[in-house]
Amino acid sequence: MVTASTKADELAMTLEQAIVSGEIAPGTVLRQEQLSERYAVSRTPVREALRRLAALGLVSFEPNRGVRVRTLTRDELREAFLVRAELESLATEVATPRFTEVEVAQLEAAETRFATLTGELRAHGGGDGRGDLVTEWVRANHAFHDVIYSVARLPLVERLAKGARFSGSAVWAPADASELDQLYDANEREHRAIIAAIRAGSAAGARSLAREHVLASGRLLERIIAQQWHSGS
């Protein structure tokens, strides 16, 4: 069943890609009625998608003017990942002693799915269909962390941390081969290390690994976006 939340997820991802890639320029006003008509969705998912973009700092709500696309500064990008790193590491620490064998198996299954898509991306190269594959890869990465959030049972922390996620394929699709290798290798390695710490019952170790995992992703994303901005100038 396609819910309003699912539609909001998809619309937020589509708009995020367009903003980060430069397809939608800074200063552009996004009007709810136009987005609703263009993407054939009701106002409810449009409003939710715009709220998610605002949480990322990609748009701002202006009185009597609507929603305007912002220029994301590097300081704001760093701050978003710093906040997410602290919240996600907290959730991982709290979740670690709560994990059962069944839930560890779910986490391992999510990582297996993620690793499979990583292999498909490596084999795919460029060309048609890559954007969709990257989107699935990003979702599989989120699914890994969603298992941890589910076990932690900290809904406020989860909501705030997810509000700082950058998820579009235009964001996580660096053209440079060395950046790709670093992205793929680091994510798989760090996921496996987090699983090992959880299996060992090391809450402090799992927290430290989760924090560095998010911060490393932030540093890489900063370089990827800088490349995209440079190539578009």
Protein backbone atom coordinates (compact mmCIF):
# COMPACT_ATOMS: atom_id res chain seq x y z
CA MET A 1 0.00 0.00 0.00
CA VAL A 2 1.35 3.41 -0.97
CA THR A 3 0.86 5.74 2.01
CA ALA A 4 1.12 9.50 2.29
CA SER A 5 4.37 8.97 4.18
CA THR A 6 5.79 6.87 1.32
CA LYS A 7 4.79 9.51 -1.20
CA ALA A 8 6.41 12.17 0.99
CA ASP A 9 9.61 10.11 1.12
CA GLU A 10 9.72 9.77 -2.65
CA LEU A 11 8.92 13.43 -3.28
CA ALA A 12 11.46 14.63 -0.72
CA MET A 13 14.11 12.47 -2.37
CA THR A 14 13.23 13.75 -5.85
CA LEU A 15 13.34 17.39 -4.78
CA GLU A 16 16.52 16.86 -2.78
CA GLN A 17 18.25 15.45 -5.85
CA ALA A 18 17.08 18.35 -8.01
CA ILE A 19 18.24 20.96 -5.48
CA VAL A 20 21.65 19.43 -4.75
CA SER A 21 22.37 18.78 -8.44
CA GLY A 22 21.45 22.37 -9.31
CA GLU A 23 18.43 21.47 -11.42
CA ILE A 24 16.39 23.64 -9.05
CA ALA A 25 18.41 26.80 -8.44
CA PRO A 26 18.84 28.61 -5.12
CA GLY A 27 16.17 31.27 -4.70
CA THR A 28 13.51 29.26 -6.53
CA VAL A 29 10.10 29.43 -4.84
CA LEU A 30 8.44 26.02 -4.45
CA ARG A 31 4.66 26.32 -4.41
CA GLN A 32 2.64 23.50 -2.90
CA GLU A 33 -0.13 23.62 -5.49
CA GLN A 34 2.37 23.44 -8.37
CA LEU A 35 4.27 20.54 -6.79
CA SER A 36 1.00 18.73 -6.08
CA GLU A 37 -0.02 19.03 -9.72
CA ARG A 38 3.39 18.25 -11.19
CA TYR A 39 3.95 15.09 -9.14
CA ALA A 40 0.29 14.01 -9.00
CA VAL A 41 0.10 13.86 -5.22
CA SER A 42 -2.12 15.55 -2.66
CA ARG A 43 -1.05 18.51 -0.54
CA THR A 44 -0.34 16.32 2.51
CA PRO A 45 2.78 14.53 1.17
CA VAL A 46 3.91 17.81 -0.44
CA ARG A 47 3.83 19.59 2.92
CA GLU A 48 5.65 16.71 4.62
CA ALA A 49 8.31 16.58 1.90
CA LEU A 50 8.92 20.32 2.21
CA ARG A 51 9.25 19.99 5.99
CA ARG A 52 11.90 17.33 5.50
CA LEU A 53 13.81 19.53 3.07
CA ALA A 54 13.60 22.38 5.58
CA ALA A 55 15.06 20.11 8.27
CA LEU A 56 18.04 19.53 5.96
CA GLY A 57 18.42 23.27 5.42
CA LEU A 58 17.69 22.96 1.69
CA VAL A 59 14.60 25.19 1.78
CA SER A 60 13.18 27.85 4.08
CA PHE A 61 9.58 28.80 4.83
CA GLU A 62 9.05 32.52 4.23
CA PRO A 63 5.89 34.31 5.44
CA ASN A 64 3.60 35.28 2.56
CA ARG A 65 6.12 34.01 0.00
CA GLY A 66 6.02 30.25 0.30
CA VAL A 67 9.00 27.93 0.38
CA ARG A 68 12.30 29.12 -1.09
CA VAL A 69 15.32 27.00 -2.06
CA ARG A 70 18.39 27.91 -0.04
CA THR A 71 22.09 27.62 -0.73
CA LEU A 72 23.42 24.98 1.66
CA THR A 73 26.64 26.19 3.26
CA ARG A 74 29.45 23.86 4.25
CA ASP A 75 29.05 24.88 7.89
CA GLU A 76 25.38 23.86 7.80
CA LEU A 77 26.28 20.55 6.18
CA ARG A 78 28.86 19.83 8.88
CA GLU A 79 26.41 20.79 11.60
CA ALA A 80 23.71 18.48 10.20
CA PHE A 81 26.08 15.52 10.23
CA LEU A 82 27.41 16.39 13.67
CA VAL A 83 23.87 16.39 15.07
CA ARG A 84 23.03 13.13 13.30
CA ALA A 85 26.27 11.53 14.49
CA GLU A 86 25.50 12.27 18.14
CA LEU A 87 21.89 11.13 17.90
CA GLU A 88 22.60 7.98 15.89
CA SER A 89 25.47 6.97 18.15
CA LEU A 90 23.21 7.46 21.19
CA ALA A 91 20.54 5.22 19.64
CA THR A 92 23.19 2.58 18.88
CA GLU A 93 24.51 2.65 22.45
CA VAL A 94 21.02 2.30 23.92
CA ALA A 95 20.07 -0.45 21.46
CA THR A 96 23.15 -2.64 21.96
CA PRO A 97 22.14 -4.36 25.23
CA ARG A 98 18.57 -4.72 23.96
CA PHE A 99 19.45 -6.71 20.85
CA THR A 100 18.20 -10.28 20.71
CA GLU A 101 19.59 -12.95 18.42
CA VAL A 102 16.59 -12.47 16.14
CA GLU A 103 17.24 -8.73 15.86
CA VAL A 104 20.96 -9.23 15.26
CA ALA A 105 19.97 -11.59 12.43
CA GLN A 106 17.73 -8.83 11.04
CA LEU A 107 20.65 -6.40 11.18
CA GLU A 108 22.91 -8.89 9.40
CA ALA A 109 20.25 -9.49 6.76
CA ALA A 110 19.98 -5.74 6.15
CA GLU A 111 23.76 -5.54 5.76
CA THR A 112 23.73 -8.52 3.36
CA ARG A 113 21.15 -6.71 1.21
CA PHE A 114 23.26 -3.56 1.34
CA ALA A 115 26.42 -5.49 0.37
CA THR A 116 24.59 -7.13 -2.53
CA LEU A 117 23.53 -3.75 -3.91
CA THR A 118 27.07 -2.47 -3.41
CA GLY A 119 28.31 -5.31 -5.60
CA GLU A 120 25.69 -4.51 -8.22
CA LEU A 121 26.75 -0.87 -8.25
CA ARG A 122 30.40 -1.84 -8.69
CA ALA A 123 29.49 -4.08 -11.61
CA HIS A 124 27.06 -1.63 -13.20
CA GLY A 125 29.37 1.27 -13.93
CA GLY A 126 27.65 4.26 -15.52
CA GLY A 127 24.76 4.51 -17.91
CA ASP A 128 21.01 4.00 -17.74
CA GLY A 129 19.51 2.76 -14.53
CA ARG A 130 22.36 3.80 -12.30
CA GLY A 131 20.33 6.48 -10.52
CA ASP A 132 17.63 3.96 -9.56
CA LEU A 133 20.27 1.55 -8.32
CA VAL A 134 21.91 4.22 -6.18
CA THR A 135 18.50 5.07 -4.73
CA GLU A 136 17.97 1.41 -3.76
CA TRP A 137 21.49 1.34 -2.28
CA VAL A 138 20.71 4.40 -0.16
CA ARG A 139 17.46 2.85 1.04
CA ALA A 140 19.27 -0.37 1.95
CA ASN A 141 21.76 1.67 3.97
CA HIS A 142 18.87 3.36 5.79
CA ALA A 143 17.25 -0.04 6.41
CA PHE A 144 20.41 -1.17 8.25
CA HIS A 145 20.22 1.80 10.61
CA ASP A 146 16.44 1.49 10.94
CA VAL A 147 16.90 -1.90 12.62
CA ILE A 148 19.01 -0.18 15.28
CA TYR A 149 16.44 2.58 15.76
CA SER A 150 13.69 -0.02 16.12
CA VAL A 151 15.60 -1.83 18.87
CA ALA A 152 16.58 1.39 20.65
CA ARG A 153 12.94 2.50 20.95
CA LEU A 154 13.80 6.20 21.13
CA PRO A 155 11.21 7.77 18.80
CA LEU A 156 12.23 11.41 19.36
CA VAL A 157 15.91 10.65 18.76
CA GLU A 158 14.99 8.62 15.68
CA ARG A 159 12.80 11.37 14.23
CA LEU A 160 15.42 14.08 14.75
CA ALA A 161 18.26 11.95 13.37
CA LYS A 162 16.31 10.94 10.28
CA GLY A 163 15.55 14.59 9.64
CA ALA A 164 19.27 15.10 9.01
CA ARG A 165 19.59 12.35 6.40
CA PHE A 166 20.70 13.19 2.87
CA SER A 167 19.23 10.44 0.74
CA GLY A 168 18.99 11.30 -2.96
CA SER A 169 20.91 9.44 -5.63
CA ALA A 170 22.22 12.77 -6.95
CA VAL A 171 23.84 13.27 -3.54
CA TRP A 172 25.42 9.83 -3.18
CA ALA A 173 26.54 9.35 -6.77
CA PRO A 174 30.11 10.68 -7.06
CA ALA A 175 31.55 10.53 -10.54
CA ASP A 176 35.13 10.02 -9.35
CA ALA A 177 36.07 6.32 -9.19
CA SER A 178 38.30 6.71 -6.14
CA GLU A 179 35.46 8.43 -4.26
CA LEU A 180 33.15 5.56 -5.19
CA ASP A 181 35.60 2.94 -3.93
CA GLN A 182 36.06 4.84 -0.69
CA LEU A 183 32.31 5.20 -0.24
CA TYR A 184 31.57 1.52 -0.86
CA ASP A 185 34.47 0.06 1.12
CA ALA A 186 34.01 2.33 4.13
CA ASN A 187 30.27 1.70 4.48
CA GLU A 188 30.56 -2.08 4.32
CA ARG A 189 33.53 -2.16 6.69
CA GLU A 190 31.91 0.18 9.20
CA HIS A 191 28.59 -1.69 9.15
CA ARG A 192 30.34 -4.98 9.88
CA ALA A 193 32.29 -3.37 12.74
CA ILE A 194 29.07 -2.04 14.28
CA ILE A 195 27.49 -5.51 14.07
CA ALA A 196 30.54 -7.06 15.73
CA ALA A 197 30.41 -4.55 18.60
CA ILE A 198 26.69 -5.20 19.09
CA ARG A 199 27.25 -8.96 19.09
CA ALA A 200 29.99 -8.49 21.70
CA GLY A 201 27.64 -6.41 23.84
CA SER A 202 29.98 -3.42 23.75
CA ALA A 203 27.62 -0.45 23.99
CA ALA A 204 30.46 2.08 24.22
CA GLY A 205 32.27 0.50 21.28
CA ALA A 206 29.13 0.42 19.15
CA ARG A 207 28.43 4.07 19.99
CA SER A 208 31.94 5.15 18.99
CA LEU A 209 31.79 3.21 15.72
CA ALA A 210 28.36 4.58 14.83
CA ARG A 211 29.47 8.14 15.50
CA GLU A 212 32.57 7.87 13.32
CA HIS A 213 30.53 6.12 10.61
CA VAL A 214 28.18 9.11 10.30
CA LEU A 215 30.97 11.70 10.51
CA ALA A 216 32.99 9.89 7.84
CA SER A 217 29.93 9.88 5.57
CA GLY A 218 29.56 13.61 6.18
CA ARG A 219 33.16 14.33 5.21
CA LEU A 220 32.78 12.30 2.04
CA LEU A 221 29.45 13.91 1.16
CA GLU A 222 31.00 17.34 1.55
CA ARG A 223 33.61 16.43 -1.06
CA ILE A 224 31.00 14.94 -3.40
CA ILE A 225 28.80 18.04 -3.25
CA ALA A 226 31.83 20.28 -3.75
CA GLN A 227 32.63 18.31 -6.93
CA GLN A 228 29.06 18.67 -8.18
CA TRP A 229 28.99 22.40 -7.50
CA HIS A 230 32.38 22.84 -9.19
CA SER A 231 31.36 20.84 -12.27
CA GLY A 232 28.14 22.84 -12.53
CA SER A 233 29.86 26.24 -12.33
